[in-house]
């Protein structure tokens, strides 16, 4: 006969958050703790429905919501910076390609006059 194990909501929440954050895969967690992937899927559903947050006070929820807004703002800022860096890289690449263009004799003569 097998003894039925029970896990605390905090443990379940920790397991799901580690999977959602990408720090561990579901298979790794299942092997490490010898938990069925089916049970982990159930925990993920419970997590998405908010079951593990039922005992969280409104003050804690307000802090979490502020943190989410702060992280969303930071994500937006980083996304904009990333786009600007990509554009700068593309401009730099374009300029380098233009510098590598073929020089004709007329271009050469114009460059020599400008160099004097």
PDB file of N, CA and C in Angstrom:
ATOM      1  N   UNK A   1       0.833  -1.182   0.000  1.00  0.00           N
ATOM      2  CA  UNK A   1       0.000   0.000   0.000  1.00  0.00           C
ATOM      3  C   UNK A   1       0.883   1.253   0.000  1.00  0.00           C
ATOM      4  N   UNK A   2       0.507   2.205  -0.812  1.00  0.00           N
ATOM      5  CA  UNK A   2       1.280   3.427  -0.952  1.00  0.00           C
ATOM      6  C   UNK A   2       0.691   4.520  -0.071  1.00  0.00           C
ATOM      7  N   UNK A   3       1.557   5.250   0.596  1.00  0.00           N
ATOM      8  CA  UNK A   3       1.102   6.344   1.456  1.00  0.00           C
ATOM      9  C   UNK A   3       0.845   7.570   0.587  1.00  0.00           C
ATOM     10  N   UNK A   4      -0.296   8.176   0.794  1.00  0.00           N
ATOM     11  CA  UNK A   4      -0.667   9.359   0.024  1.00  0.00           C
ATOM     12  C   UNK A   4       0.006  10.594   0.622  1.00  0.00           C
ATOM     13  N   UNK A   5       0.742  11.290  -0.212  1.00  0.00           N
ATOM     14  CA  UNK A   5       1.426  12.494   0.253  1.00  0.00           C
ATOM     15  C   UNK A   5       0.531  13.709   0.054  1.00  0.00           C
ATOM     16  N   UNK A   6       0.722  14.694   0.895  1.00  0.00           N
ATOM     17  CA  UNK A   6       0.014  15.959   0.693  1.00  0.00           C
ATOM     18  C   UNK A   6       1.050  17.079   0.710  1.00  0.00           C
ATOM     19  N   UNK A   7       0.771  18.112  -0.061  1.00  0.00           N
ATOM     20  CA  UNK A   7       1.703  19.220  -0.198  1.00  0.00           C
ATOM     21  C   UNK A   7       0.995  20.509   0.196  1.00  0.00           C
ATOM     22  N   UNK A   8       1.733  21.413   0.800  1.00  0.00           N
ATOM     23  CA  UNK A   8       1.157  22.698   1.208  1.00  0.00           C
ATOM     24  C   UNK A   8       0.913  23.568  -0.025  1.00  0.00           C
ATOM     25  N   UNK A   9       0.005  24.524   0.135  1.00  0.00           N
ATOM     26  CA  UNK A   9      -0.266  25.451  -0.967  1.00  0.00           C
ATOM     27  C   UNK A   9       0.987  26.248  -1.321  1.00  0.00           C
ATOM     28  N   UNK A  10       1.788  26.582  -0.319  1.00  0.00           N
ATOM     29  CA  UNK A  10       3.025  27.317  -0.597  1.00  0.00           C
ATOM     30  C   UNK A  10       3.976  26.502  -1.466  1.00  0.00           C
ATOM     31  N   UNK A  11       4.081  25.209  -1.178  1.00  0.00           N
ATOM     32  CA  UNK A  11       4.941  24.345  -1.979  1.00  0.00           C
ATOM     33  C   UNK A  11       4.418  24.256  -3.411  1.00  0.00           C
ATOM     34  N   UNK A  12       3.112  24.062  -3.545  1.00  0.00           N
ATOM     35  CA  UNK A  12       2.508  23.967  -4.881  1.00  0.00           C
ATOM     36  C   UNK A  12       2.744  25.250  -5.667  1.00  0.00           C
ATOM     37  N   UNK A  13       2.546  26.365  -4.991  1.00  0.00           N
ATOM     38  CA  UNK A  13       2.756  27.680  -5.631  1.00  0.00           C
ATOM     39  C   UNK A  13       4.213  27.823  -6.070  1.00  0.00           C
ATOM     40  N   UNK A  14       5.139  27.419  -5.210  1.00  0.00           N
ATOM     41  CA  UNK A  14       6.570  27.509  -5.532  1.00  0.00           C
ATOM     42  C   UNK A  14       6.897  26.650  -6.754  1.00  0.00           C
ATOM     43  N   UNK A  15       6.350  25.443  -6.810  1.00  0.00           N
ATOM     44  CA  UNK A  15       6.597  24.541  -7.932  1.00  0.00           C
ATOM     45  C   UNK A  15       6.085  25.161  -9.227  1.00  0.00           C
ATOM     46  N   UNK A  16       4.852  25.652  -9.201  1.00  0.00           N
ATOM     47  CA  UNK A  16       4.256  26.231 -10.411  1.00  0.00           C
ATOM     48  C   UNK A  16       5.025  27.473 -10.842  1.00  0.00           C
ATOM     49  N   UNK A  17       5.395  28.326  -9.902  1.00  0.00           N
ATOM     50  CA  UNK A  17       6.125  29.547 -10.257  1.00  0.00           C
ATOM     51  C   UNK A  17       7.496  29.233 -10.842  1.00  0.00           C
ATOM     52  N   UNK A  18       8.133  28.184 -10.367  1.00  0.00           N
ATOM     53  CA  UNK A  18       9.432  27.830 -10.949  1.00  0.00           C
ATOM     54  C   UNK A  18       9.266  27.327 -12.382  1.00  0.00           C
ATOM     55  N   UNK A  19       8.148  26.666 -12.661  1.00  0.00           N
ATOM     56  CA  UNK A  19       7.887  26.201 -14.032  1.00  0.00           C
ATOM     57  C   UNK A  19       7.523  27.382 -14.924  1.00  0.00           C
ATOM     58  N   UNK A  20       6.642  28.252 -14.428  1.00  0.00           N
ATOM     59  CA  UNK A  20       6.183  29.400 -15.213  1.00  0.00           C
ATOM     60  C   UNK A  20       7.336  30.358 -15.503  1.00  0.00           C
ATOM     61  N   UNK A  21       8.219  30.549 -14.524  1.00  0.00           N
ATOM     62  CA  UNK A  21       9.340  31.476 -14.714  1.00  0.00           C
ATOM     63  C   UNK A  21      10.409  30.908 -15.642  1.00  0.00           C
ATOM     64  N   UNK A  22      10.375  29.590 -15.859  1.00  0.00           N
ATOM     65  CA  UNK A  22      11.351  28.975 -16.741  1.00  0.00           C
ATOM     66  C   UNK A  22      12.609  28.512 -16.025  1.00  0.00           C
ATOM     67  N   UNK A  23      12.641  28.637 -14.700  1.00  0.00           N
ATOM     68  CA  UNK A  23      13.841  28.195 -13.982  1.00  0.00           C
ATOM     69  C   UNK A  23      13.948  26.679 -13.922  1.00  0.00           C
ATOM     70  N   UNK A  24      12.815  25.988 -14.163  1.00  0.00           N
ATOM     71  CA  UNK A  24      12.831  24.519 -14.218  1.00  0.00           C
ATOM     72  C   UNK A  24      11.692  24.061 -15.121  1.00  0.00           C
ATOM     73  N   UNK A  25      11.875  22.916 -15.725  1.00  0.00           N
ATOM     74  CA  UNK A  25      10.802  22.371 -16.564  1.00  0.00           C
ATOM     75  C   UNK A  25       9.896  21.499 -15.699  1.00  0.00           C
ATOM     76  N   UNK A  26       8.728  21.251 -16.218  1.00  0.00           N
ATOM     77  CA  UNK A  26       7.772  20.417 -15.495  1.00  0.00           C
ATOM     78  C   UNK A  26       8.346  19.012 -15.290  1.00  0.00           C
ATOM     79  N   UNK A  27       9.017  18.504 -16.284  1.00  0.00           N
ATOM     80  CA  UNK A  27       9.609  17.161 -16.178  1.00  0.00           C
ATOM     81  C   UNK A  27      10.687  17.117 -15.105  1.00  0.00           C
ATOM     82  N   UNK A  28      11.509  18.174 -15.030  1.00  0.00           N
ATOM     83  CA  UNK A  28      12.555  18.213 -14.007  1.00  0.00           C
ATOM     84  C   UNK A  28      11.956  18.214 -12.597  1.00  0.00           C
ATOM     85  N   UNK A  29      10.927  19.040 -12.416  1.00  0.00           N
ATOM     86  CA  UNK A  29      10.272  19.120 -11.106  1.00  0.00           C
ATOM     87  C   UNK A  29       9.634  17.771 -10.757  1.00  0.00           C
ATOM     88  N   UNK A  30       8.961  17.176 -11.725  1.00  0.00           N
ATOM     89  CA  UNK A  30       8.298  15.890 -11.487  1.00  0.00           C
ATOM     90  C   UNK A  30       9.308  14.834 -11.059  1.00  0.00           C
ATOM     91  N   UNK A  31      10.459  14.793 -11.719  1.00  0.00           N
ATOM     92  CA  UNK A  31      11.494  13.823 -11.345  1.00  0.00           C
ATOM     93  C   UNK A  31      12.089  14.128  -9.976  1.00  0.00           C
ATOM     94  N   UNK A  32      12.395  15.402  -9.751  1.00  0.00           N
ATOM     95  CA  UNK A  32      13.056  15.790  -8.503  1.00  0.00           C
ATOM     96  C   UNK A  32      12.212  15.460  -7.271  1.00  0.00           C
ATOM     97  N   UNK A  33      10.927  15.764  -7.340  1.00  0.00           N
ATOM     98  CA  UNK A  33      10.066  15.559  -6.170  1.00  0.00           C
ATOM     99  C   UNK A  33       9.216  14.291  -6.265  1.00  0.00           C
ATOM    100  N   UNK A  34       9.408  13.547  -7.351  1.00  0.00           N
ATOM    101  CA  UNK A  34       8.628  12.317  -7.576  1.00  0.00           C
ATOM    102  C   UNK A  34       7.129  12.595  -7.510  1.00  0.00           C
ATOM    103  N   UNK A  35       6.732  13.583  -8.330  1.00  0.00           N
ATOM    104  CA  UNK A  35       5.334  14.002  -8.417  1.00  0.00           C
ATOM    105  C   UNK A  35       4.866  13.749  -9.843  1.00  0.00           C
ATOM    106  N   UNK A  36       3.661  13.270  -9.988  1.00  0.00           N
ATOM    107  CA  UNK A  36       3.106  13.014 -11.310  1.00  0.00           C
ATOM    108  C   UNK A  36       2.917  14.329 -12.072  1.00  0.00           C
ATOM    109  N   UNK A  37       3.272  14.357 -13.354  1.00  0.00           N
ATOM    110  CA  UNK A  37       3.026  15.548 -14.167  1.00  0.00           C
ATOM    111  C   UNK A  37       1.540  15.920 -14.225  1.00  0.00           C
ATOM    112  N   UNK A  38       0.673  14.930 -14.091  1.00  0.00           N
ATOM    113  CA  UNK A  38      -0.772  15.191 -14.085  1.00  0.00           C
ATOM    114  C   UNK A  38      -1.133  16.056 -12.877  1.00  0.00           C
ATOM    115  N   UNK A  39      -0.545  15.748 -11.739  1.00  0.00           N
ATOM    116  CA  UNK A  39      -0.808  16.541 -10.534  1.00  0.00           C
ATOM    117  C   UNK A  39      -0.252  17.951 -10.700  1.00  0.00           C
ATOM    118  N   UNK A  40       0.919  18.064 -11.293  1.00  0.00           N
ATOM    119  CA  UNK A  40       1.500  19.392 -11.519  1.00  0.00           C
ATOM    120  C   UNK A  40       0.608  20.196 -12.453  1.00  0.00           C
ATOM    121  N   UNK A  41       0.046  19.544 -13.479  1.00  0.00           N
ATOM    122  CA  UNK A  41      -0.892  20.252 -14.360  1.00  0.00           C
ATOM    123  C   UNK A  41      -2.096  20.757 -13.580  1.00  0.00           C
ATOM    124  N   UNK A  42      -2.587  19.966 -12.648  1.00  0.00           N
ATOM    125  CA  UNK A  42      -3.715  20.384 -11.816  1.00  0.00           C
ATOM    126  C   UNK A  42      -3.320  21.603 -10.979  1.00  0.00           C
ATOM    127  N   UNK A  43      -2.115  21.581 -10.435  1.00  0.00           N
ATOM    128  CA  UNK A  43      -1.632  22.713  -9.649  1.00  0.00           C
ATOM    129  C   UNK A  43      -1.523  23.970 -10.513  1.00  0.00           C
ATOM    130  N   UNK A  44      -1.092  23.792 -11.762  1.00  0.00           N
ATOM    131  CA  UNK A  44      -0.996  24.939 -12.673  1.00  0.00           C
ATOM    132  C   UNK A  44      -2.372  25.547 -12.933  1.00  0.00           C
ATOM    133  N   UNK A  45      -3.385  24.691 -13.113  1.00  0.00           N
ATOM    134  CA  UNK A  45      -4.753  25.191 -13.300  1.00  0.00           C
ATOM    135  C   UNK A  45      -5.221  25.946 -12.064  1.00  0.00           C
ATOM    136  N   UNK A  46      -4.976  25.366 -10.885  1.00  0.00           N
ATOM    137  CA  UNK A  46      -5.347  26.020  -9.634  1.00  0.00           C
ATOM    138  C   UNK A  46      -4.638  27.364  -9.490  1.00  0.00           C
ATOM    139  N   UNK A  47      -3.385  27.401  -9.889  1.00  0.00           N
ATOM    140  CA  UNK A  47      -2.598  28.641  -9.804  1.00  0.00           C
ATOM    141  C   UNK A  47      -3.209  29.713 -10.703  1.00  0.00           C
ATOM    142  N   UNK A  48      -3.542  29.323 -11.933  1.00  0.00           N
ATOM    143  CA  UNK A  48      -4.130  30.284 -12.879  1.00  0.00           C
ATOM    144  C   UNK A  48      -5.486  30.783 -12.409  1.00  0.00           C
ATOM    145  N   UNK A  49      -6.228  29.938 -11.705  1.00  0.00           N
ATOM    146  CA  UNK A  49      -7.544  30.354 -11.214  1.00  0.00           C
ATOM    147  C   UNK A  49      -7.429  31.181  -9.937  1.00  0.00           C
ATOM    148  N   UNK A  50      -6.231  31.293  -9.369  1.00  0.00           N
ATOM    149  CA  UNK A  50      -6.017  32.119  -8.187  1.00  0.00           C
ATOM    150  C   UNK A  50      -6.194  31.399  -6.871  1.00  0.00           C
ATOM    151  N   UNK A  51      -6.282  30.096  -6.890  1.00  0.00           N
ATOM    152  CA  UNK A  51      -6.516  29.338  -5.658  1.00  0.00           C
ATOM    153  C   UNK A  51      -5.437  29.581  -4.601  1.00  0.00           C
ATOM    154  N   UNK A  52      -4.203  29.711  -5.013  1.00  0.00           N
ATOM    155  CA  UNK A  52      -3.114  29.874  -4.057  1.00  0.00           C
ATOM    156  C   UNK A  52      -3.008  31.290  -3.517  1.00  0.00           C
ATOM    157  N   UNK A  53      -3.877  32.184  -3.993  1.00  0.00           N
ATOM    158  CA  UNK A  53      -3.838  33.578  -3.547  1.00  0.00           C
ATOM    159  C   UNK A  53      -5.057  33.948  -2.713  1.00  0.00           C
ATOM    160  N   UNK A  54      -5.851  32.963  -2.319  1.00  0.00           N
ATOM    161  CA  UNK A  54      -7.081  33.234  -1.564  1.00  0.00           C
ATOM    162  C   UNK A  54      -6.788  33.851  -0.203  1.00  0.00           C
ATOM    163  N   UNK A  55      -5.715  33.484   0.438  1.00  0.00           N
ATOM    164  CA  UNK A  55      -5.417  33.973   1.785  1.00  0.00           C
ATOM    165  C   UNK A  55      -4.541  35.220   1.781  1.00  0.00           C
ATOM    166  N   UNK A  56      -4.335  35.807   0.621  1.00  0.00           N
ATOM    167  CA  UNK A  56      -3.502  36.995   0.516  1.00  0.00           C
ATOM    168  C   UNK A  56      -4.338  38.207   0.906  1.00  0.00           C
ATOM    169  N   UNK A  57      -3.803  39.046   1.766  1.00  0.00           N
ATOM    170  CA  UNK A  57      -4.544  40.224   2.214  1.00  0.00           C
ATOM    171  C   UNK A  57      -4.621  41.258   1.098  1.00  0.00           C
ATOM    172  N   UNK A  58      -5.553  42.191   1.240  1.00  0.00           N
ATOM    173  CA  UNK A  58      -5.717  43.222   0.211  1.00  0.00           C
ATOM    174  C   UNK A  58      -4.480  44.110   0.153  1.00  0.00           C
ATOM    175  N   UNK A  59      -3.808  44.286   1.280  1.00  0.00           N
ATOM    176  CA  UNK A  59      -2.579  45.073   1.303  1.00  0.00           C
ATOM    177  C   UNK A  59      -1.502  44.380   0.474  1.00  0.00           C
ATOM    178  N   UNK A  60      -1.387  43.066   0.635  1.00  0.00           N
ATOM    179  CA  UNK A  60      -0.410  42.311  -0.157  1.00  0.00           C
ATOM    180  C   UNK A  60      -0.763  42.358  -1.640  1.00  0.00           C
ATOM    181  N   UNK A  61      -2.051  42.268  -1.942  1.00  0.00           N
ATOM    182  CA  UNK A  61      -2.484  42.331  -3.346  1.00  0.00           C
ATOM    183  C   UNK A  61      -2.139  43.682  -3.951  1.00  0.00           C
ATOM    184  N   UNK A  62      -2.330  44.748  -3.178  1.00  0.00           N
ATOM    185  CA  UNK A  62      -1.995  46.092  -3.666  1.00  0.00           C
ATOM    186  C   UNK A  62      -0.501  46.183  -3.968  1.00  0.00           C
ATOM    187  N   UNK A  63       0.332  45.610  -3.092  1.00  0.00           N
ATOM    188  CA  UNK A  63       1.777  45.608  -3.321  1.00  0.00           C
ATOM    189  C   UNK A  63       2.119  44.821  -4.582  1.00  0.00           C
ATOM    190  N   UNK A  64       1.448  43.677  -4.750  1.00  0.00           N
ATOM    191  CA  UNK A  64       1.710  42.857  -5.934  1.00  0.00           C
ATOM    192  C   UNK A  64       1.285  43.583  -7.207  1.00  0.00           C
ATOM    193  N   UNK A  65       0.147  44.254  -7.164  1.00  0.00           N
ATOM    194  CA  UNK A  65      -0.320  44.994  -8.340  1.00  0.00           C
ATOM    195  C   UNK A  65       0.637  46.127  -8.683  1.00  0.00           C
ATOM    196  N   UNK A  66       1.150  46.821  -7.655  1.00  0.00           N
ATOM    197  CA  UNK A  66       2.143  47.867  -7.902  1.00  0.00           C
ATOM    198  C   UNK A  66       3.403  47.288  -8.536  1.00  0.00           C
ATOM    199  N   UNK A  67       3.813  46.148  -8.040  1.00  0.00           N
ATOM    200  CA  UNK A  67       5.011  45.492  -8.572  1.00  0.00           C
ATOM    201  C   UNK A  67       4.804  45.093 -10.038  1.00  0.00           C
ATOM    202  N   UNK A  68       3.602  44.586 -10.335  1.00  0.00           N
ATOM    203  CA  UNK A  68       3.296  44.205 -11.716  1.00  0.00           C
ATOM    204  C   UNK A  68       3.354  45.436 -12.611  1.00  0.00           C
ATOM    205  N   UNK A  69       2.759  46.539 -12.175  1.00  0.00           N
ATOM    206  CA  UNK A  69       2.797  47.774 -12.982  1.00  0.00           C
ATOM    207  C   UNK A  69       4.226  48.264 -13.186  1.00  0.00           C
ATOM    208  N   UNK A  70       5.031  48.177 -12.119  1.00  0.00           N
ATOM    209  CA  UNK A  70       6.423  48.595 -12.219  1.00  0.00           C
ATOM    210  C   UNK A  70       7.174  47.726 -13.230  1.00  0.00           C
ATOM    211  N   UNK A  71       6.948  46.431 -13.173  1.00  0.00           N
ATOM    212  CA  UNK A  71       7.620  45.513 -14.100  1.00  0.00           C
ATOM    213  C   UNK A  71       7.131  45.723 -15.533  1.00  0.00           C
ATOM    214  N   UNK A  72       5.838  46.004 -15.712  1.00  0.00           N
ATOM    215  CA  UNK A  72       5.321  46.280 -17.057  1.00  0.00           C
ATOM    216  C   UNK A  72       5.931  47.555 -17.624  1.00  0.00           C
ATOM    217  N   UNK A  73       6.091  48.577 -16.776  1.00  0.00           N
ATOM    218  CA  UNK A  73       6.719  49.821 -17.207  1.00  0.00           C
ATOM    219  C   UNK A  73       8.169  49.563 -17.616  1.00  0.00           C
ATOM    220  N   UNK A  74       8.878  48.788 -16.809  1.00  0.00           N
ATOM    221  CA  UNK A  74      10.264  48.462 -17.115  1.00  0.00           C
ATOM    222  C   UNK A  74      10.369  47.657 -18.409  1.00  0.00           C
ATOM    223  N   UNK A  75       9.436  46.731 -18.604  1.00  0.00           N
ATOM    224  CA  UNK A  75       9.420  45.942 -19.832  1.00  0.00           C
ATOM    225  C   UNK A  75       9.216  46.850 -21.046  1.00  0.00           C
ATOM    226  N   UNK A  76       8.308  47.806 -20.937  1.00  0.00           N
ATOM    227  CA  UNK A  76       8.080  48.746 -22.031  1.00  0.00           C
ATOM    228  C   UNK A  76       9.328  49.554 -22.341  1.00  0.00           C
ATOM    229  N   UNK A  77       9.982  50.029 -21.294  1.00  0.00           N
ATOM    230  CA  UNK A  77      11.209  50.815 -21.469  1.00  0.00           C
ATOM    231  C   UNK A  77      12.291  49.987 -22.158  1.00  0.00           C
ATOM    232  N   UNK A  78      12.474  48.753 -21.696  1.00  0.00           N
ATOM    233  CA  UNK A  78      13.497  47.887 -22.294  1.00  0.00           C
ATOM    234  C   UNK A  78      13.165  47.527 -23.741  1.00  0.00           C
ATOM    235  N   UNK A  79      11.884  47.370 -24.028  1.00  0.00           N
ATOM    236  CA  UNK A  79      11.466  47.079 -25.394  1.00  0.00           C
ATOM    237  C   UNK A  79      11.809  48.254 -26.308  1.00  0.00           C
ATOM    238  N   UNK A  80      11.528  49.477 -25.847  1.00  0.00           N
ATOM    239  CA  UNK A  80      11.868  50.660 -26.644  1.00  0.00           C
ATOM    240  C   UNK A  80      13.377  50.764 -26.852  1.00  0.00           C
ATOM    241  N   UNK A  81      14.152  50.562 -25.797  1.00  0.00           N
ATOM    242  CA  UNK A  81      15.607  50.623 -25.920  1.00  0.00           C
ATOM    243  C   UNK A  81      16.116  49.574 -26.906  1.00  0.00           C
ATOM    244  N   UNK A  82      15.535  48.386 -26.841  1.00  0.00           N
ATOM    245  CA  UNK A  82      15.930  47.311 -27.742  1.00  0.00           C
ATOM    246  C   UNK A  82      15.650  47.701 -29.196  1.00  0.00           C
ATOM    247  N   UNK A  83      14.487  48.287 -29.436  1.00  0.00           N
ATOM    248  CA  UNK A  83      14.148  48.717 -30.796  1.00  0.00           C
ATOM    249  C   UNK A  83      15.104  49.806 -31.283  1.00  0.00           C
ATOM    250  N   UNK A  84      15.437  50.749 -30.396  1.00  0.00           N
ATOM    251  CA  UNK A  84      16.361  51.818 -30.796  1.00  0.00           C
ATOM    252  C   UNK A  84      17.741  51.240 -31.118  1.00  0.00           C
ATOM    253  N   UNK A  85      18.201  50.292 -30.316  1.00  0.00           N
ATOM    254  CA  UNK A  85      19.499  49.673 -30.580  1.00  0.00           C
ATOM    255  C   UNK A  85      19.501  48.898 -31.896  1.00  0.00           C
ATOM    256  N   UNK A  86      18.398  48.236 -32.201  1.00  0.00           N
ATOM    257  CA  UNK A  86      18.300  47.518 -33.474  1.00  0.00           C
ATOM    258  C   UNK A  86      18.369  48.484 -34.642  1.00  0.00           C
ATOM    259  N   UNK A  87      17.658  49.619 -34.505  1.00  0.00           N
ATOM    260  CA  UNK A  87      17.688  50.624 -35.585  1.00  0.00           C
ATOM    261  C   UNK A  87      19.084  51.200 -35.754  1.00  0.00           C
ATOM    262  N   UNK A  88      19.765  51.481 -34.641  1.00  0.00           N
ATOM    263  CA  UNK A  88      21.128  52.012 -34.713  1.00  0.00           C
ATOM    264  C   UNK A  88      22.059  50.999 -35.375  1.00  0.00           C
ATOM    265  N   UNK A  89      21.902  49.742 -35.022  1.00  0.00           N
ATOM    266  CA  UNK A  89      22.716  48.690 -35.634  1.00  0.00           C
ATOM    267  C   UNK A  89      22.459  48.621 -37.138  1.00  0.00           C
ATOM    268  N   UNK A  90      21.169  48.690 -37.516  1.00  0.00           N
ATOM    269  CA  UNK A  90      20.830  48.621 -38.933  1.00  0.00           C
ATOM    270  C   UNK A  90      21.398  49.811 -39.697  1.00  0.00           C
ATOM    271  N   UNK A  91      21.348  51.009 -39.096  1.00  0.00           N
ATOM    272  CA  UNK A  91      21.927  52.190 -39.743  1.00  0.00           C
ATOM    273  C   UNK A  91      23.434  52.039 -39.899  1.00  0.00           C
ATOM    274  N   UNK A  92      24.080  51.550 -38.871  1.00  0.00           N
ATOM    275  CA  UNK A  92      25.527  51.347 -38.907  1.00  0.00           C
ATOM    276  C   UNK A  92      25.900  50.335 -39.985  1.00  0.00           C
ATOM    277  N   UNK A  93      25.120  49.263 -40.067  1.00  0.00           N
ATOM    278  CA  UNK A  93      25.362  48.241 -41.085  1.00  0.00           C
ATOM    279  C   UNK A  93      25.180  48.824 -42.480  1.00  0.00           C
ATOM    280  N   UNK A  94      24.153  49.653 -42.645  1.00  0.00           N
ATOM    281  CA  UNK A  94      23.888  50.275 -43.942  1.00  0.00           C
ATOM    282  C   UNK A  94      25.044  51.188 -44.338  1.00  0.00           C
ATOM    283  N   UNK A  95      25.553  51.985 -43.375  1.00  0.00           N
ATOM    284  CA  UNK A  95      26.670  52.886 -43.667  1.00  0.00           C
ATOM    285  C   UNK A  95      27.922  52.094 -44.043  1.00  0.00           C
ATOM    286  N   UNK A  96      28.160  50.990 -43.361  1.00  0.00           N
ATOM    287  CA  UNK A  96      29.332  50.171 -43.684  1.00  0.00           C
ATOM    288  C   UNK A  96      29.221  49.599 -45.085  1.00  0.00           C
ATOM    289  N   UNK A  97      28.018  49.203 -45.474  1.00  0.00           N
ATOM    290  CA  UNK A  97      27.822  48.666 -46.818  1.00  0.00           C
ATOM    291  C   UNK A  97      28.075  49.742 -47.861  1.00  0.00           C
ATOM    292  N   UNK A  98      27.644  50.985 -47.577  1.00  0.00           N
ATOM    293  CA  UNK A  98      27.870  52.080 -48.523  1.00  0.00           C
ATOM    294  C   UNK A  98      29.361  52.384 -48.646  1.00  0.00           C
ATOM    295  N   UNK A  99      30.108  52.275 -47.541  1.00  0.00           N
ATOM    296  CA  UNK A  99      31.548  52.514 -47.570  1.00  0.00           C
ATOM    297  C   UNK A  99      32.274  51.468 -48.400  1.00  0.00           C
ATOM    298  N   UNK A 100      31.688  50.301 -48.526  1.00  0.00           N
ATOM    299  CA  UNK A 100      32.320  49.226 -49.273  1.00  0.00           C
ATOM    300  C   UNK A 100      31.939  49.236 -50.754  1.00  0.00           C
ATOM    301  N   UNK A 101      31.218  50.282 -51.170  1.00  0.00           N
ATOM    302  CA  UNK A 101      30.773  50.324 -52.558  1.00  0.00           C
ATOM    303  C   UNK A 101      31.970  50.510 -53.500  1.00  0.00           C
ATOM    304  N   UNK A 102      31.756  50.197 -54.761  1.00  0.00           N
ATOM    305  CA  UNK A 102      32.808  50.266 -55.768  1.00  0.00           C
ATOM    306  C   UNK A 102      33.115  51.729 -56.077  1.00  0.00           C
ATOM    307  N   UNK A 103      34.400  52.050 -56.122  1.00  0.00           N
ATOM    308  CA  UNK A 103      34.833  53.410 -56.406  1.00  0.00           C
ATOM    309  C   UNK A 103      35.170  53.510 -57.888  1.00  0.00           C
ATOM    310  N   UNK A 104      34.526  54.462 -58.556  1.00  0.00           N
ATOM    311  CA  UNK A 104      34.833  54.684 -59.976  1.00  0.00           C
ATOM    312  C   UNK A 104      35.936  55.722 -60.084  1.00  0.00           C
ATOM    313  N   UNK A 105      36.451  55.910 -61.285  1.00  0.00           N
ATOM    314  CA  UNK A 105      37.535  56.882 -61.472  1.00  0.00           C
ATOM    315  C   UNK A 105      37.046  58.295 -61.160  1.00  0.00           C
ATOM    316  N   UNK A 106      35.768  58.594 -61.478  1.00  0.00           N
ATOM    317  CA  UNK A 106      35.233  59.925 -61.183  1.00  0.00           C
ATOM    318  C   UNK A 106      35.151  60.138 -59.673  1.00  0.00           C
ATOM    319  N   UNK A 107      34.710  59.100 -58.942  1.00  0.00           N
ATOM    320  CA  UNK A 107      34.639  59.184 -57.483  1.00  0.00           C
ATOM    321  C   UNK A 107      36.031  59.387 -56.901  1.00  0.00           C
ATOM    322  N   UNK A 108      36.989  58.703 -57.471  1.00  0.00           N
ATOM    323  CA  UNK A 108      38.358  58.801 -56.985  1.00  0.00           C
ATOM    324  C   UNK A 108      38.896  60.215 -57.174  1.00  0.00           C
ATOM    325  N   UNK A 109      38.646  60.788 -58.369  1.00  0.00           N
ATOM    326  CA  UNK A 109      39.116  62.148 -58.646  1.00  0.00           C
ATOM    327  C   UNK A 109      38.461  63.155 -57.703  1.00  0.00           C
ATOM    328  N   UNK A 110      37.153  62.980 -57.438  1.00  0.00           N
ATOM    329  CA  UNK A 110      36.445  63.900 -56.525  1.00  0.00           C
ATOM    330  C   UNK A 110      36.996  63.767 -55.112  1.00  0.00           C
ATOM    331  N   UNK A 111      37.314  62.558 -54.702  1.00  0.00           N
ATOM    332  CA  UNK A 111      37.823  62.369 -53.344  1.00  0.00           C
ATOM    333  C   UNK A 111      39.215  62.970 -53.196  1.00  0.00           C
ATOM    334  N   UNK A 112      40.003  62.922 -54.295  1.00  0.00           N
ATOM    335  CA  UNK A 112      41.360  63.484 -54.239  1.00  0.00           C
ATOM    336  C   UNK A 112      41.326  65.014 -54.186  1.00  0.00           C
ATOM    337  N   UNK A 113      40.366  65.616 -54.896  1.00  0.00           N
ATOM    338  CA  UNK A 113      40.231  67.075 -54.852  1.00  0.00           C
ATOM    339  C   UNK A 113      39.791  67.519 -53.464  1.00  0.00           C
ATOM    340  N   UNK A 114      38.909  66.746 -52.859  1.00  0.00           N
ATOM    341  CA  UNK A 114      38.402  67.099 -51.527  1.00  0.00           C
ATOM    342  C   UNK A 114      39.443  66.908 -50.453  1.00  0.00           C
ATOM    343  N   UNK A 115      40.430  66.035 -50.700  1.00  0.00           N
ATOM    344  CA  UNK A 115      41.441  65.732 -49.704  1.00  0.00           C
ATOM    345  C   UNK A 115      42.517  66.806 -49.626  1.00  0.00           C
ATOM    346  N   UNK A 116      42.638  67.612 -50.690  1.00  0.00           N
ATOM    347  CA  UNK A 116      43.696  68.632 -50.727  1.00  0.00           C
ATOM    348  C   UNK A 116      43.379  69.800 -49.866  1.00  0.00           C
TER     349      UNK A 116
END
